[in-house]
Amino acid sequence: MDRMAKLASERAVVVFTASNCSMGDVVASLLNSLGVNAAVHDLDRDPRGQEMERELASRLGAGAGGRGSPAVPAVFVGGHLVGGTSRVMALHLAGELVPMLKSAGALWL
């Protein structure tokens, strides 16, 4: 989807979430604590948010009836979809998130 791709590439790190998504807040807080100024888009406040959420669900393997991963939050680094909360946390715990953020220009440490 062109709109999602455009939004995903507007900054080094972009988070698609919903205004009532607590896991989106967790991911945004983690990124902020690392010094990342991520763009955060609340899909429930975007006129085309449902369309973008369906696209994210498809890309993340989210399924109907609660199967698969939730569509939000979805994190893009350097314009590429990294994944949701579990993937971001796993990368962080493995020590791989910070190098990825540096490579994308989100960190200058």
N, C-alpha and C. Protein backbone atom coordinates (compact mmCIF):
# COMPACT_ATOMS: atom_id res chain seq x y z
N MET A 1 0.84 -1.17 0.00
CA MET A 1 0.00 0.00 0.00
C MET A 1 0.89 1.24 0.00
N ASP A 2 0.60 2.17 -0.89
CA ASP A 2 1.43 3.35 -1.05
C ASP A 2 1.45 4.24 0.19
N ARG A 3 0.29 4.45 0.80
CA ARG A 3 0.24 5.33 1.97
C ARG A 3 1.06 4.76 3.12
N MET A 4 0.91 3.48 3.38
CA MET A 4 1.66 2.87 4.47
C MET A 4 3.16 2.91 4.17
N ALA A 5 3.56 2.63 2.95
CA ALA A 5 4.97 2.67 2.59
C ALA A 5 5.53 4.08 2.75
N LYS A 6 4.74 5.07 2.35
CA LYS A 6 5.18 6.47 2.49
C LYS A 6 5.37 6.83 3.96
N LEU A 7 4.38 6.48 4.79
CA LEU A 7 4.47 6.77 6.22
C LEU A 7 5.61 6.00 6.87
N ALA A 8 5.81 4.75 6.46
CA ALA A 8 6.84 3.90 7.05
C ALA A 8 8.24 4.40 6.73
N SER A 9 8.38 5.19 5.69
CA SER A 9 9.71 5.68 5.32
C SER A 9 9.93 7.14 5.69
N GLU A 10 8.99 7.75 6.41
CA GLU A 10 9.15 9.17 6.74
C GLU A 10 10.19 9.43 7.82
N ARG A 11 10.48 8.44 8.64
CA ARG A 11 11.53 8.53 9.65
C ARG A 11 12.26 7.20 9.70
N ALA A 12 13.37 7.19 10.41
CA ALA A 12 14.15 5.96 10.53
C ALA A 12 13.37 4.87 11.25
N VAL A 13 12.51 5.27 12.21
CA VAL A 13 11.69 4.30 12.94
C VAL A 13 10.25 4.80 12.96
N VAL A 14 9.34 3.93 12.56
CA VAL A 14 7.92 4.26 12.52
C VAL A 14 7.14 3.14 13.20
N VAL A 15 6.22 3.54 14.07
CA VAL A 15 5.38 2.59 14.78
C VAL A 15 3.93 2.84 14.38
N PHE A 16 3.27 1.80 13.88
CA PHE A 16 1.84 1.86 13.62
C PHE A 16 1.16 1.18 14.80
N THR A 17 0.21 1.86 15.41
CA THR A 17 -0.45 1.34 16.59
C THR A 17 -1.89 1.83 16.62
N ALA A 18 -2.53 1.73 17.75
CA ALA A 18 -3.87 2.27 17.96
C ALA A 18 -3.81 3.08 19.25
N SER A 19 -4.66 4.07 19.36
CA SER A 19 -4.59 4.97 20.51
C SER A 19 -4.84 4.24 21.83
N ASN A 20 -5.53 3.11 21.80
CA ASN A 20 -5.80 2.37 23.03
C ASN A 20 -4.95 1.11 23.16
N CYS A 21 -3.86 1.02 22.41
CA CYS A 21 -3.01 -0.17 22.41
C CYS A 21 -1.88 -0.01 23.43
N SER A 22 -2.00 -0.74 24.52
CA SER A 22 -0.98 -0.62 25.57
C SER A 22 0.38 -1.16 25.11
N MET A 23 0.38 -2.16 24.24
CA MET A 23 1.65 -2.69 23.76
C MET A 23 2.34 -1.69 22.83
N GLY A 24 1.56 -0.89 22.14
CA GLY A 24 2.14 0.19 21.34
C GLY A 24 2.86 1.18 22.24
N ASP A 25 2.26 1.46 23.39
CA ASP A 25 2.91 2.35 24.37
C ASP A 25 4.21 1.74 24.89
N VAL A 26 4.20 0.43 25.10
CA VAL A 26 5.40 -0.26 25.58
C VAL A 26 6.53 -0.16 24.56
N VAL A 27 6.21 -0.42 23.31
CA VAL A 27 7.22 -0.36 22.25
C VAL A 27 7.74 1.07 22.09
N ALA A 28 6.83 2.04 22.08
CA ALA A 28 7.23 3.44 21.95
C ALA A 28 8.11 3.86 23.13
N SER A 29 7.77 3.40 24.33
CA SER A 29 8.57 3.73 25.52
C SER A 29 9.97 3.12 25.43
N LEU A 30 10.04 1.88 24.96
CA LEU A 30 11.35 1.24 24.80
C LEU A 30 12.21 2.04 23.82
N LEU A 31 11.63 2.35 22.68
CA LEU A 31 12.38 3.11 21.67
C LEU A 31 12.81 4.47 22.21
N ASN A 32 11.91 5.13 22.91
CA ASN A 32 12.22 6.43 23.50
C ASN A 32 13.35 6.31 24.52
N SER A 33 13.32 5.27 25.34
CA SER A 33 14.37 5.07 26.35
C SER A 33 15.73 4.83 25.71
N LEU A 34 15.73 4.33 24.48
CA LEU A 34 16.98 4.11 23.74
C LEU A 34 17.45 5.38 23.03
N GLY A 35 16.61 6.41 23.04
CA GLY A 35 16.96 7.67 22.39
C GLY A 35 16.44 7.81 20.98
N VAL A 36 15.47 6.97 20.61
CA VAL A 36 14.90 6.99 19.27
C VAL A 36 13.68 7.89 19.25
N ASN A 37 13.63 8.76 18.26
CA ASN A 37 12.47 9.63 18.06
C ASN A 37 11.62 9.03 16.94
N ALA A 38 10.82 8.04 17.32
CA ALA A 38 10.01 7.32 16.32
C ALA A 38 8.76 8.11 15.98
N ALA A 39 8.33 7.98 14.74
CA ALA A 39 7.02 8.50 14.34
C ALA A 39 6.00 7.45 14.75
N VAL A 40 4.95 7.88 15.45
CA VAL A 40 3.91 6.95 15.90
C VAL A 40 2.61 7.34 15.23
N HIS A 41 1.99 6.36 14.56
CA HIS A 41 0.73 6.59 13.85
C HIS A 41 -0.36 5.75 14.49
N ASP A 42 -1.37 6.41 15.02
CA ASP A 42 -2.53 5.72 15.57
C ASP A 42 -3.49 5.44 14.43
N LEU A 43 -3.59 4.18 14.04
CA LEU A 43 -4.41 3.83 12.89
C LEU A 43 -5.90 4.08 13.12
N ASP A 44 -6.33 4.04 14.37
CA ASP A 44 -7.74 4.30 14.64
C ASP A 44 -8.10 5.78 14.49
N ARG A 45 -7.11 6.61 14.28
CA ARG A 45 -7.34 8.04 14.06
C ARG A 45 -7.08 8.46 12.63
N ASP A 46 -6.74 7.50 11.79
CA ASP A 46 -6.46 7.77 10.38
C ASP A 46 -7.65 7.32 9.55
N PRO A 47 -8.11 8.16 8.61
CA PRO A 47 -9.26 7.77 7.77
C PRO A 47 -9.03 6.46 7.01
N ARG A 48 -7.79 6.14 6.70
CA ARG A 48 -7.48 4.89 5.98
C ARG A 48 -6.83 3.87 6.90
N GLY A 49 -7.01 4.06 8.20
CA GLY A 49 -6.37 3.20 9.18
C GLY A 49 -6.78 1.75 9.11
N GLN A 50 -8.07 1.48 8.88
CA GLN A 50 -8.53 0.09 8.80
C GLN A 50 -7.88 -0.63 7.63
N GLU A 51 -7.76 0.06 6.54
CA GLU A 51 -7.12 -0.51 5.34
C GLU A 51 -5.65 -0.83 5.63
N MET A 52 -4.96 0.11 6.30
CA MET A 52 -3.56 -0.11 6.64
C MET A 52 -3.41 -1.24 7.66
N GLU A 53 -4.35 -1.32 8.60
CA GLU A 53 -4.29 -2.38 9.60
C GLU A 53 -4.48 -3.76 8.96
N ARG A 54 -5.36 -3.86 7.98
CA ARG A 54 -5.54 -5.11 7.25
C ARG A 54 -4.25 -5.50 6.53
N GLU A 55 -3.60 -4.53 5.91
CA GLU A 55 -2.33 -4.79 5.22
C GLU A 55 -1.27 -5.26 6.21
N LEU A 56 -1.19 -4.61 7.35
CA LEU A 56 -0.23 -5.02 8.37
C LEU A 56 -0.54 -6.43 8.87
N ALA A 57 -1.81 -6.71 9.11
CA ALA A 57 -2.21 -8.04 9.57
C ALA A 57 -1.78 -9.10 8.57
N SER A 58 -1.94 -8.81 7.30
CA SER A 58 -1.54 -9.73 6.25
C SER A 58 -0.03 -9.95 6.27
N ARG A 59 0.71 -8.87 6.40
CA ARG A 59 2.17 -8.95 6.37
C ARG A 59 2.74 -9.61 7.62
N LEU A 60 2.03 -9.46 8.76
CA LEU A 60 2.51 -10.04 10.01
C LEU A 60 1.97 -11.44 10.25
N GLY A 61 1.06 -11.90 9.39
CA GLY A 61 0.50 -13.23 9.56
C GLY A 61 -0.60 -13.29 10.60
N ALA A 62 -1.21 -12.13 10.90
CA ALA A 62 -2.31 -12.12 11.87
C ALA A 62 -3.52 -12.76 11.24
N GLY A 63 -4.21 -13.54 12.00
CA GLY A 63 -5.37 -14.23 11.46
C GLY A 63 -6.65 -13.83 12.16
N ALA A 64 -7.76 -14.17 11.57
CA ALA A 64 -9.06 -13.92 12.18
C ALA A 64 -9.23 -14.84 13.37
N GLY A 65 -10.04 -14.40 14.31
CA GLY A 65 -10.32 -15.23 15.47
C GLY A 65 -9.17 -15.31 16.46
N GLY A 66 -8.26 -14.34 16.40
CA GLY A 66 -7.18 -14.30 17.38
C GLY A 66 -5.97 -15.14 17.03
N ARG A 67 -5.95 -15.78 15.88
CA ARG A 67 -4.80 -16.58 15.49
C ARG A 67 -3.72 -15.66 14.93
N GLY A 68 -2.48 -16.04 15.15
CA GLY A 68 -1.38 -15.25 14.62
C GLY A 68 -1.08 -14.05 15.48
N SER A 69 -0.26 -13.17 14.97
CA SER A 69 0.15 -11.97 15.69
C SER A 69 -0.87 -10.87 15.51
N PRO A 70 -1.00 -9.99 16.51
CA PRO A 70 -1.87 -8.84 16.30
C PRO A 70 -1.25 -7.90 15.26
N ALA A 71 -2.08 -7.14 14.58
CA ALA A 71 -1.60 -6.25 13.53
C ALA A 71 -0.86 -5.05 14.10
N VAL A 72 -1.21 -4.62 15.29
CA VAL A 72 -0.54 -3.48 15.91
C VAL A 72 -0.10 -3.84 17.32
N PRO A 73 1.01 -3.30 17.78
CA PRO A 73 1.86 -2.37 17.06
C PRO A 73 2.71 -3.09 16.01
N ALA A 74 3.04 -2.35 14.99
CA ALA A 74 3.93 -2.83 13.93
C ALA A 74 5.05 -1.80 13.79
N VAL A 75 6.27 -2.28 13.84
CA VAL A 75 7.43 -1.39 13.84
C VAL A 75 8.20 -1.54 12.54
N PHE A 76 8.49 -0.39 11.94
CA PHE A 76 9.32 -0.32 10.73
C PHE A 76 10.62 0.36 11.11
N VAL A 77 11.73 -0.21 10.67
CA VAL A 77 13.05 0.40 10.87
C VAL A 77 13.70 0.52 9.51
N GLY A 78 14.08 1.73 9.16
CA GLY A 78 14.67 1.96 7.85
C GLY A 78 13.72 1.63 6.71
N GLY A 79 12.42 1.79 6.95
CA GLY A 79 11.42 1.53 5.92
C GLY A 79 11.03 0.07 5.78
N HIS A 80 11.63 -0.81 6.58
CA HIS A 80 11.35 -2.25 6.50
C HIS A 80 10.60 -2.70 7.74
N LEU A 81 9.61 -3.55 7.53
CA LEU A 81 8.82 -4.07 8.64
C LEU A 81 9.67 -5.02 9.48
N VAL A 82 9.83 -4.67 10.76
CA VAL A 82 10.57 -5.51 11.70
C VAL A 82 9.62 -6.51 12.34
N GLY A 83 8.45 -6.03 12.75
CA GLY A 83 7.47 -6.91 13.38
C GLY A 83 6.76 -6.19 14.50
N GLY A 84 6.15 -6.99 15.35
CA GLY A 84 5.37 -6.46 16.46
C GLY A 84 6.18 -6.45 17.75
N THR A 85 5.45 -6.36 18.84
CA THR A 85 6.06 -6.25 20.16
C THR A 85 7.03 -7.39 20.45
N SER A 86 6.59 -8.62 20.22
CA SER A 86 7.43 -9.78 20.53
C SER A 86 8.75 -9.74 19.77
N ARG A 87 8.68 -9.41 18.50
CA ARG A 87 9.89 -9.36 17.68
C ARG A 87 10.83 -8.25 18.14
N VAL A 88 10.28 -7.07 18.41
CA VAL A 88 11.10 -5.94 18.86
C VAL A 88 11.76 -6.27 20.20
N MET A 89 11.01 -6.84 21.12
CA MET A 89 11.55 -7.20 22.43
C MET A 89 12.62 -8.28 22.30
N ALA A 90 12.37 -9.27 21.43
CA ALA A 90 13.36 -10.33 21.22
C ALA A 90 14.66 -9.76 20.65
N LEU A 91 14.55 -8.86 19.70
CA LEU A 91 15.74 -8.21 19.13
C LEU A 91 16.49 -7.43 20.21
N HIS A 92 15.76 -6.73 21.05
CA HIS A 92 16.37 -5.94 22.11
C HIS A 92 17.11 -6.85 23.10
N LEU A 93 16.44 -7.91 23.55
CA LEU A 93 17.06 -8.82 24.51
C LEU A 93 18.27 -9.54 23.93
N ALA A 94 18.27 -9.76 22.63
CA ALA A 94 19.40 -10.42 21.96
C ALA A 94 20.53 -9.46 21.63
N GLY A 95 20.32 -8.17 21.92
CA GLY A 95 21.36 -7.18 21.62
C GLY A 95 21.42 -6.79 20.16
N GLU A 96 20.37 -7.09 19.41
CA GLU A 96 20.37 -6.81 17.97
C GLU A 96 19.59 -5.55 17.59
N LEU A 97 18.77 -5.04 18.50
CA LEU A 97 17.94 -3.89 18.16
C LEU A 97 18.77 -2.61 18.01
N VAL A 98 19.65 -2.34 18.96
CA VAL A 98 20.43 -1.11 18.90
C VAL A 98 21.29 -1.04 17.64
N PRO A 99 22.02 -2.11 17.27
CA PRO A 99 22.77 -2.05 16.01
C PRO A 99 21.87 -1.80 14.80
N MET A 100 20.67 -2.40 14.80
CA MET A 100 19.72 -2.19 13.71
C MET A 100 19.30 -0.72 13.66
N LEU A 101 19.04 -0.14 14.81
CA LEU A 101 18.64 1.26 14.89
C LEU A 101 19.77 2.18 14.43
N LYS A 102 21.00 1.86 14.82
CA LYS A 102 22.16 2.64 14.39
C LYS A 102 22.32 2.57 12.89
N SER A 103 22.19 1.38 12.34
CA SER A 103 22.33 1.19 10.90
C SER A 103 21.29 1.99 10.11
N ALA A 104 20.11 2.14 10.68
CA ALA A 104 19.03 2.88 10.01
C ALA A 104 19.14 4.39 10.22
N GLY A 105 20.09 4.81 11.05
CA GLY A 105 20.26 6.24 11.31
C GLY A 105 19.35 6.78 12.41
N ALA A 106 18.78 5.88 13.21
CA ALA A 106 17.90 6.31 14.29
C ALA A 106 18.67 6.64 15.55
N LEU A 107 19.89 6.14 15.65
CA LEU A 107 20.77 6.38 16.80
C LEU A 107 22.14 6.79 16.29
N TRP A 108 22.77 7.66 17.05
CA TRP A 108 24.12 8.10 16.66
C TRP A 108 25.13 7.79 17.74
N LEU A 109 24.83 6.88 18.63
CA LEU A 109 25.72 6.53 19.74
C LEU A 109 26.91 5.75 19.27
